[in-house]
C-alpha atoms as a PDB file:
ATOM      1  CA  MET A   1     -53.552   1.786   6.259  1.00  0.00           C
ATOM      2  CA  ALA A   2     -52.574   0.217   2.952  1.00  0.00           C
ATOM      3  CA  ASP A   3     -50.905  -3.196   2.692  1.00  0.00           C
ATOM      4  CA  THR A   4     -47.820  -1.652   1.152  1.00  0.00           C
ATOM      5  CA  GLN A   5     -46.052   0.725   3.475  1.00  0.00           C
ATOM      6  CA  GLU A   6     -44.038   3.457   1.893  1.00  0.00           C
ATOM      7  CA  LYS A   7     -40.464   3.549   3.183  1.00  0.00           C
ATOM      8  CA  LYS A   8     -39.225   6.908   4.389  1.00  0.00           C
ATOM      9  CA  VAL A   9     -36.044   7.554   2.464  1.00  0.00           C
ATOM     10  CA  CYS A  10     -33.486  10.294   2.791  1.00  0.00           C
ATOM     11  CA  PRO A  11     -34.368  12.807   0.038  1.00  0.00           C
ATOM     12  CA  CYS A  12     -30.695  13.199  -0.911  1.00  0.00           C
ATOM     13  CA  CYS A  13     -30.196   9.469  -1.521  1.00  0.00           C
ATOM     14  CA  THR A  14     -30.875   8.016  -4.939  1.00  0.00           C
ATOM     15  CA  LYS A  15     -29.909   4.419  -4.184  1.00  0.00           C
ATOM     16  CA  HIS A  16     -31.481   2.088  -1.652  1.00  0.00           C
ATOM     17  CA  THR A  17     -30.469  -1.153   0.032  1.00  0.00           C
ATOM     18  CA  MET A  18     -32.970  -3.766   1.076  1.00  0.00           C
ATOM     19  CA  ARG A  19     -31.828  -5.305   4.358  1.00  0.00           C
ATOM     20  CA  SER A  20     -33.197  -8.241   6.251  1.00  0.00           C
ATOM     21  CA  GLU A  21     -35.124  -7.359   9.385  1.00  0.00           C
ATOM     22  CA  GLU A  22     -32.370  -9.053  11.423  1.00  0.00           C
ATOM     23  CA  GLU A  23     -29.603  -6.974   9.838  1.00  0.00           C
ATOM     24  CA  ARG A  24     -31.609  -3.751  10.182  1.00  0.00           C
ATOM     25  CA  LYS A  25     -32.277  -4.429  13.879  1.00  0.00           C
ATOM     26  CA  LYS A  26     -28.625  -5.291  14.505  1.00  0.00           C
ATOM     27  CA  LEU A  27     -27.398  -2.035  12.923  1.00  0.00           C
ATOM     28  CA  ILE A  28     -30.060   0.071  14.642  1.00  0.00           C
ATOM     29  CA  ASN A  29     -29.202  -1.480  18.023  1.00  0.00           C
ATOM     30  CA  ARG A  30     -25.545  -0.578  17.522  1.00  0.00           C
ATOM     31  CA  LEU A  31     -26.471   3.010  16.759  1.00  0.00           C
ATOM     32  CA  LYS A  32     -28.823   3.198  19.732  1.00  0.00           C
ATOM     33  CA  ARG A  33     -25.958   2.114  21.992  1.00  0.00           C
ATOM     34  CA  VAL A  34     -23.821   4.894  20.494  1.00  0.00           C
ATOM     35  CA  GLU A  35     -26.695   7.311  21.037  1.00  0.00           C
ATOM     36  CA  GLY A  36     -26.830   6.247  24.688  1.00  0.00           C
ATOM     37  CA  GLN A  37     -23.096   6.766  25.043  1.00  0.00           C
ATOM     38  CA  ILE A  38     -23.416  10.273  23.576  1.00  0.00           C
ATOM     39  CA  ARG A  39     -26.226  11.077  26.025  1.00  0.00           C
ATOM     40  CA  GLY A  40     -23.935   9.833  28.785  1.00  0.00           C
ATOM     41  CA  ILE A  41     -21.182  12.190  27.673  1.00  0.00           C
ATOM     42  CA  ILE A  42     -23.644  15.092  27.596  1.00  0.00           C
ATOM     43  CA  GLY A  43     -24.618  14.206  31.155  1.00  0.00           C
ATOM     44  CA  MET A  44     -20.962  14.126  32.141  1.00  0.00           C
ATOM     45  CA  LEU A  45     -20.472  17.610  30.728  1.00  0.00           C
ATOM     46  CA  GLU A  46     -23.596  18.891  32.454  1.00  0.00           C
ATOM     47  CA  ASN A  47     -22.235  17.507  35.737  1.00  0.00           C
ATOM     48  CA  ASP A  48     -18.749  18.964  35.194  1.00  0.00           C
ATOM     49  CA  ALA A  49     -17.067  15.562  34.995  1.00  0.00           C
ATOM     50  CA  TYR A  50     -13.292  15.401  34.810  1.00  0.00           C
ATOM     51  CA  CYS A  51     -11.982  16.039  31.274  1.00  0.00           C
ATOM     52  CA  ASN A  52     -10.024  12.790  31.111  1.00  0.00           C
ATOM     53  CA  ASP A  53     -13.105  10.738  31.994  1.00  0.00           C
ATOM     54  CA  ILE A  54     -15.072  12.448  29.222  1.00  0.00           C
ATOM     55  CA  LEU A  55     -12.260  11.850  26.739  1.00  0.00           C
ATOM     56  CA  ILE A  56     -12.216   8.138  27.597  1.00  0.00           C
ATOM     57  CA  GLN A  57     -15.967   7.936  26.973  1.00  0.00           C
ATOM     58  CA  SER A  58     -15.538   9.857  23.711  1.00  0.00           C
ATOM     59  CA  ALA A  59     -12.923   7.319  22.610  1.00  0.00           C
ATOM     60  CA  ALA A  60     -15.415   4.549  23.403  1.00  0.00           C
ATOM     61  CA  VAL A  61     -17.979   6.277  21.165  1.00  0.00           C
ATOM     62  CA  ASN A  62     -15.421   6.467  18.352  1.00  0.00           C
ATOM     63  CA  ALA A  63     -14.694   2.757  18.734  1.00  0.00           C
ATOM     64  CA  ALA A  64     -18.418   1.951  18.659  1.00  0.00           C
ATOM     65  CA  VAL A  65     -18.966   4.033  15.507  1.00  0.00           C
ATOM     66  CA  ASN A  66     -15.974   2.339  13.886  1.00  0.00           C
ATOM     67  CA  ALA A  67     -17.432  -1.081  14.737  1.00  0.00           C
ATOM     68  CA  PHE A  68     -20.738  -0.007  13.160  1.00  0.00           C
ATOM     69  CA  ASN A  69     -18.903   1.198  10.041  1.00  0.00           C
ATOM     70  CA  LYS A  70     -16.972  -2.069   9.741  1.00  0.00           C
ATOM     71  CA  GLU A  71     -20.149  -4.123   9.976  1.00  0.00           C
ATOM     72  CA  LEU A  72     -22.025  -1.967   7.460  1.00  0.00           C
ATOM     73  CA  LEU A  73     -19.040  -1.881   5.089  1.00  0.00           C
ATOM     74  CA  ALA A  74     -18.686  -5.669   5.157  1.00  0.00           C
ATOM     75  CA  SER A  75     -22.374  -6.045   4.367  1.00  0.00           C
ATOM     76  CA  HIS A  76     -22.102  -3.453   1.587  1.00  0.00           C
ATOM     77  CA  ILE A  77     -19.186  -5.274  -0.042  1.00  0.00           C
ATOM     78  CA  ARG A  78     -20.774  -8.732   0.274  1.00  0.00           C
ATOM     79  CA  ASN A  79     -24.136  -7.615  -1.062  1.00  0.00           C
ATOM     80  CA  CYS A  80     -24.266  -4.330  -2.976  1.00  0.00           C
ATOM     81  CA  VAL A  81     -20.742  -4.271  -4.421  1.00  0.00           C
ATOM     82  CA  ALA A  82     -20.687  -7.967  -5.325  1.00  0.00           C
ATOM     83  CA  ARG A  83     -24.115  -7.680  -6.996  1.00  0.00           C
ATOM     84  CA  ASP A  84     -23.124  -4.596  -8.990  1.00  0.00           C
ATOM     85  CA  ILE A  85     -19.866  -6.168 -10.173  1.00  0.00           C
ATOM     86  CA  ARG A  86     -21.757  -9.283 -11.300  1.00  0.00           C
ATOM     87  CA  GLU A  87     -24.105  -6.962 -13.204  1.00  0.00           C
ATOM     88  CA  GLY A  88     -21.134  -5.243 -14.873  1.00  0.00           C
ATOM     89  CA  LYS A  89     -21.471  -1.975 -12.925  1.00  0.00           C
ATOM     90  CA  ASP A  90     -17.761  -1.332 -12.481  1.00  0.00           C
ATOM     91  CA  GLU A  91     -18.398   2.256 -11.298  1.00  0.00           C
ATOM     92  CA  THR A  92     -19.296   0.689  -7.958  1.00  0.00           C
ATOM     93  CA  ILE A  93     -15.595  -0.032  -7.439  1.00  0.00           C
ATOM     94  CA  ASP A  94     -14.789   3.684  -7.765  1.00  0.00           C
ATOM     95  CA  GLU A  95     -17.606   4.472  -5.348  1.00  0.00           C
ATOM     96  CA  LEU A  96     -16.218   1.940  -2.855  1.00  0.00           C
ATOM     97  CA  VAL A  97     -12.696   3.371  -3.153  1.00  0.00           C
ATOM     98  CA  ALA A  98     -14.029   6.897  -2.526  1.00  0.00           C
ATOM     99  CA  THR A  99     -15.973   5.669   0.507  1.00  0.00           C
ATOM    100  CA  LEU A 100     -12.911   3.885   1.921  1.00  0.00           C
ATOM    101  CA  GLN A 101     -10.859   7.057   1.485  1.00  0.00           C
ATOM    102  CA  LYS A 102     -13.458   9.037   3.451  1.00  0.00           C
ATOM    103  CA  LEU A 103     -13.550   6.407   6.200  1.00  0.00           C
ATOM    104  CA  MET A 104      -9.770   6.429   6.514  1.00  0.00           C
ATOM    105  CA  LYS A 105      -9.362  10.179   7.007  1.00  0.00           C
END
């Protein structure tokens, strides 16, 4: 195996963000918790759990995804957006506005 590992990147993405190992682990752990909650809801459905109980768990998943989004958005603004503005890339502001509009639907 070579010293330089090639990162697997989404083929549809043209931009990349280098994150610290700590930040990457923190975000991945949040998503793994969400994944576990989703598996729990699937189990509830498979066991014919009461609708209201499933809805409460679904709301918890939504809250967890929102918390993930808030954390990632804050990091994006502090790092990517701030860097691009310093470099004179004002189109990043339009990109941020479009992203915020999608998040607020």
